[in-house]
Amino acid sequence: MDQLGNDLKKVLQAGIGAVATGLEKAQDAIEDLSKKGEPIYEQAKQAVTDAVGKAKQAINDQAKPQVDEFVNNLQKFSSDELNKIRAALDSLTAKAGEQKDAPAEESDAQIENPEDGDKA
């Protein structure tokens, strides 16, 4: 009977040892994979950063000619017309500050139709 108890104890200890060894091996494998993945993660992070920078630059490159053209067109207006434009811009700026949390489509509708309902 003592022999059966000793054998059962050894089997239990072997099982615990196997689990402990498995956990150690799994932890080592995770660390190795993490080390191998770190440079790839850094490369991907840098690629995303570069892509965002290029996208911002492309947007700025596209917007600048439009802004320059708009400013050139403003030079053709009379003083009274410029005052009306200034008042409209002030009104839009004030409304934009009030409606930070408003849905985008509502703001777009106001900009597209500034004459509707004295929104300008």
C-alpha atoms as a PDB file:
ATOM      1  CA  MET A   1       0.000   0.000   0.000  1.00  0.00           C
ATOM      2  CA  ASP A   2       2.875   2.323   0.764  1.00  0.00           C
ATOM      3  CA  GLN A   3       4.297   1.541  -2.663  1.00  0.00           C
ATOM      4  CA  LEU A   4       1.031   2.616  -4.332  1.00  0.00           C
ATOM      5  CA  GLY A   5       1.052   5.862  -2.314  1.00  0.00           C
ATOM      6  CA  ASN A   6       4.664   6.557  -3.336  1.00  0.00           C
ATOM      7  CA  ASP A   7       3.927   5.799  -6.982  1.00  0.00           C
ATOM      8  CA  LEU A   8       0.871   8.070  -6.915  1.00  0.00           C
ATOM      9  CA  LYS A   9       2.951  10.807  -5.278  1.00  0.00           C
ATOM     10  CA  LYS A  10       5.615  10.459  -7.991  1.00  0.00           C
ATOM     11  CA  VAL A  11       2.981  10.635 -10.733  1.00  0.00           C
ATOM     12  CA  LEU A  12       1.487  13.759  -9.150  1.00  0.00           C
ATOM     13  CA  GLN A  13       4.929  15.362  -8.823  1.00  0.00           C
ATOM     14  CA  ALA A  14       5.736  14.453 -12.416  1.00  0.00           C
ATOM     15  CA  GLY A  15       2.506  16.101 -13.571  1.00  0.00           C
ATOM     16  CA  ILE A  16       3.279  19.265 -11.602  1.00  0.00           C
ATOM     17  CA  GLY A  17       6.805  19.251 -12.997  1.00  0.00           C
ATOM     18  CA  ALA A  18       5.462  18.847 -16.527  1.00  0.00           C
ATOM     19  CA  VAL A  19       3.103  21.795 -16.069  1.00  0.00           C
ATOM     20  CA  ALA A  20       5.909  23.927 -14.604  1.00  0.00           C
ATOM     21  CA  THR A  21       8.237  22.982 -17.464  1.00  0.00           C
ATOM     22  CA  GLY A  22       5.511  23.730 -20.004  1.00  0.00           C
ATOM     23  CA  LEU A  23       4.906  27.155 -18.467  1.00  0.00           C
ATOM     24  CA  GLU A  24       8.630  27.947 -18.537  1.00  0.00           C
ATOM     25  CA  LYS A  25       8.903  26.886 -22.182  1.00  0.00           C
ATOM     26  CA  ALA A  26       5.790  28.885 -23.099  1.00  0.00           C
ATOM     27  CA  GLN A  27       7.166  31.957 -21.330  1.00  0.00           C
ATOM     28  CA  ASP A  28      10.500  31.588 -23.129  1.00  0.00           C
ATOM     29  CA  ALA A  29       8.702  31.195 -26.466  1.00  0.00           C
ATOM     30  CA  ILE A  30       6.616  34.316 -25.830  1.00  0.00           C
ATOM     31  CA  GLU A  31       9.712  36.331 -24.947  1.00  0.00           C
ATOM     32  CA  ASP A  32      11.510  35.124 -28.087  1.00  0.00           C
ATOM     33  CA  LEU A  33       8.538  35.957 -30.300  1.00  0.00           C
ATOM     34  CA  SER A  34       8.204  39.346 -28.638  1.00  0.00           C
ATOM     35  CA  LYS A  35      11.872  40.137 -29.304  1.00  0.00           C
ATOM     36  CA  LYS A  36      11.527  39.082 -32.937  1.00  0.00           C
ATOM     37  CA  GLY A  37       8.327  41.112 -33.371  1.00  0.00           C
ATOM     38  CA  GLU A  38       9.630  44.319 -31.801  1.00  0.00           C
ATOM     39  CA  PRO A  39      11.639  45.554 -34.816  1.00  0.00           C
ATOM     40  CA  ILE A  40       8.742  44.778 -37.148  1.00  0.00           C
ATOM     41  CA  TYR A  41       6.389  46.679 -34.846  1.00  0.00           C
ATOM     42  CA  GLU A  42       8.742  49.674 -34.841  1.00  0.00           C
ATOM     43  CA  GLN A  43       8.999  49.557 -38.647  1.00  0.00           C
ATOM     44  CA  ALA A  44       5.215  49.459 -38.986  1.00  0.00           C
ATOM     45  CA  LYS A  45       4.843  52.317 -36.534  1.00  0.00           C
ATOM     46  CA  GLN A  46       7.373  54.388 -38.501  1.00  0.00           C
ATOM     47  CA  ALA A  47       5.638  53.537 -41.784  1.00  0.00           C
ATOM     48  CA  VAL A  48       2.302  54.760 -40.408  1.00  0.00           C
ATOM     49  CA  THR A  49       3.923  57.952 -39.122  1.00  0.00           C
ATOM     50  CA  ASP A  50       5.524  58.555 -42.522  1.00  0.00           C
ATOM     51  CA  ALA A  51       2.236  57.897 -44.320  1.00  0.00           C
ATOM     52  CA  VAL A  52       0.399  60.365 -42.085  1.00  0.00           C
ATOM     53  CA  GLY A  53       3.089  62.977 -42.717  1.00  0.00           C
ATOM     54  CA  LYS A  54       2.873  62.456 -46.467  1.00  0.00           C
ATOM     55  CA  ALA A  55      -0.923  62.658 -46.377  1.00  0.00           C
ATOM     56  CA  LYS A  56      -0.818  65.916 -44.407  1.00  0.00           C
ATOM     57  CA  GLN A  57       1.726  67.332 -46.838  1.00  0.00           C
ATOM     58  CA  ALA A  58      -0.411  66.313 -49.823  1.00  0.00           C
ATOM     59  CA  ILE A  59      -3.445  67.998 -48.274  1.00  0.00           C
ATOM     60  CA  ASN A  60      -1.458  71.154 -47.595  1.00  0.00           C
ATOM     61  CA  ASP A  61      -0.058  71.125 -51.127  1.00  0.00           C
ATOM     62  CA  GLN A  62      -3.585  70.833 -52.510  1.00  0.00           C
ATOM     63  CA  ALA A  63      -5.080  73.507 -50.241  1.00  0.00           C
ATOM     64  CA  LYS A  64      -2.419  76.180 -50.746  1.00  0.00           C
ATOM     65  CA  PRO A  65      -3.215  76.926 -54.416  1.00  0.00           C
ATOM     66  CA  GLN A  66      -6.911  77.123 -53.587  1.00  0.00           C
ATOM     67  CA  VAL A  67      -6.273  79.555 -50.735  1.00  0.00           C
ATOM     68  CA  ASP A  68      -3.985  81.656 -52.920  1.00  0.00           C
ATOM     69  CA  GLU A  69      -6.624  81.768 -55.656  1.00  0.00           C
ATOM     70  CA  PHE A  70      -9.294  82.736 -53.116  1.00  0.00           C
ATOM     71  CA  VAL A  71      -7.129  85.573 -51.778  1.00  0.00           C
ATOM     72  CA  ASN A  72      -6.483  86.790 -55.315  1.00  0.00           C
ATOM     73  CA  ASN A  73     -10.229  86.795 -55.972  1.00  0.00           C
ATOM     74  CA  LEU A  74     -10.845  88.803 -52.787  1.00  0.00           C
ATOM     75  CA  GLN A  75      -8.726  91.606 -54.194  1.00  0.00           C
ATOM     76  CA  LYS A  76     -11.380  92.156 -56.864  1.00  0.00           C
ATOM     77  CA  PHE A  77     -14.116  93.043 -54.333  1.00  0.00           C
ATOM     78  CA  SER A  78     -15.128  96.514 -53.234  1.00  0.00           C
ATOM     79  CA  SER A  79     -14.828  97.720 -49.654  1.00  0.00           C
ATOM     80  CA  ASP A  80     -18.547  97.155 -49.004  1.00  0.00           C
ATOM     81  CA  GLU A  81     -18.383  93.639 -50.423  1.00  0.00           C
ATOM     82  CA  LEU A  82     -15.338  92.854 -48.276  1.00  0.00           C
ATOM     83  CA  ASN A  83     -17.192  94.102 -45.186  1.00  0.00           C
ATOM     84  CA  LYS A  84     -20.087  91.751 -45.973  1.00  0.00           C
ATOM     85  CA  ILE A  85     -17.637  88.874 -46.435  1.00  0.00           C
ATOM     86  CA  ARG A  86     -15.934  89.767 -43.133  1.00  0.00           C
ATOM     87  CA  ALA A  87     -19.322  89.798 -41.332  1.00  0.00           C
ATOM     88  CA  ALA A  88     -20.219  86.436 -42.851  1.00  0.00           C
ATOM     89  CA  LEU A  89     -16.879  84.954 -41.805  1.00  0.00           C
ATOM     90  CA  ASP A  90     -17.291  86.331 -38.266  1.00  0.00           C
ATOM     91  CA  SER A  91     -20.745  84.804 -38.067  1.00  0.00           C
ATOM     92  CA  LEU A  92     -19.506  81.426 -39.338  1.00  0.00           C
ATOM     93  CA  THR A  93     -16.585  81.513 -36.914  1.00  0.00           C
ATOM     94  CA  ALA A  94     -18.916  82.252 -33.980  1.00  0.00           C
ATOM     95  CA  LYS A  95     -21.312  79.476 -35.004  1.00  0.00           C
ATOM     96  CA  ALA A  96     -18.446  77.030 -35.399  1.00  0.00           C
ATOM     97  CA  GLY A  97     -17.354  77.800 -31.842  1.00  0.00           C
ATOM     98  CA  GLU A  98     -20.910  77.253 -30.560  1.00  0.00           C
ATOM     99  CA  GLN A  99     -21.443  74.047 -32.511  1.00  0.00           C
ATOM    100  CA  LYS A 100     -18.290  72.071 -31.768  1.00  0.00           C
ATOM    101  CA  ASP A 101     -20.378  69.042 -30.876  1.00  0.00           C
ATOM    102  CA  ALA A 102     -22.988  69.487 -33.617  1.00  0.00           C
ATOM    103  CA  PRO A 103     -23.200  66.863 -36.390  1.00  0.00           C
ATOM    104  CA  ALA A 104     -20.960  67.606 -39.368  1.00  0.00           C
ATOM    105  CA  GLU A 105     -23.809  67.498 -41.885  1.00  0.00           C
ATOM    106  CA  GLU A 106     -25.583  70.349 -40.093  1.00  0.00           C
ATOM    107  CA  SER A 107     -22.459  72.525 -40.269  1.00  0.00           C
ATOM    108  CA  ASP A 108     -21.945  71.633 -43.930  1.00  0.00           C
ATOM    109  CA  ALA A 109     -25.510  72.640 -44.755  1.00  0.00           C
ATOM    110  CA  GLN A 110     -24.962  76.048 -43.156  1.00  0.00           C
ATOM    111  CA  ILE A 111     -21.807  76.671 -45.137  1.00  0.00           C
ATOM    112  CA  GLU A 112     -23.336  75.500 -48.417  1.00  0.00           C
ATOM    113  CA  ASN A 113     -26.474  77.661 -47.970  1.00  0.00           C
ATOM    114  CA  PRO A 114     -25.368  80.796 -46.106  1.00  0.00           C
ATOM    115  CA  GLU A 115     -28.265  82.822 -47.510  1.00  0.00           C
ATOM    116  CA  ASP A 116     -30.942  80.477 -46.120  1.00  0.00           C
ATOM    117  CA  GLY A 117     -32.424  81.868 -42.939  1.00  0.00           C
ATOM    118  CA  ASP A 118     -29.780  84.581 -42.457  1.00  0.00           C
ATOM    119  CA  LYS A 119     -27.114  82.024 -41.522  1.00  0.00           C
ATOM    120  CA  ALA A 120     -24.240  84.025 -42.980  1.00  0.00           C
END
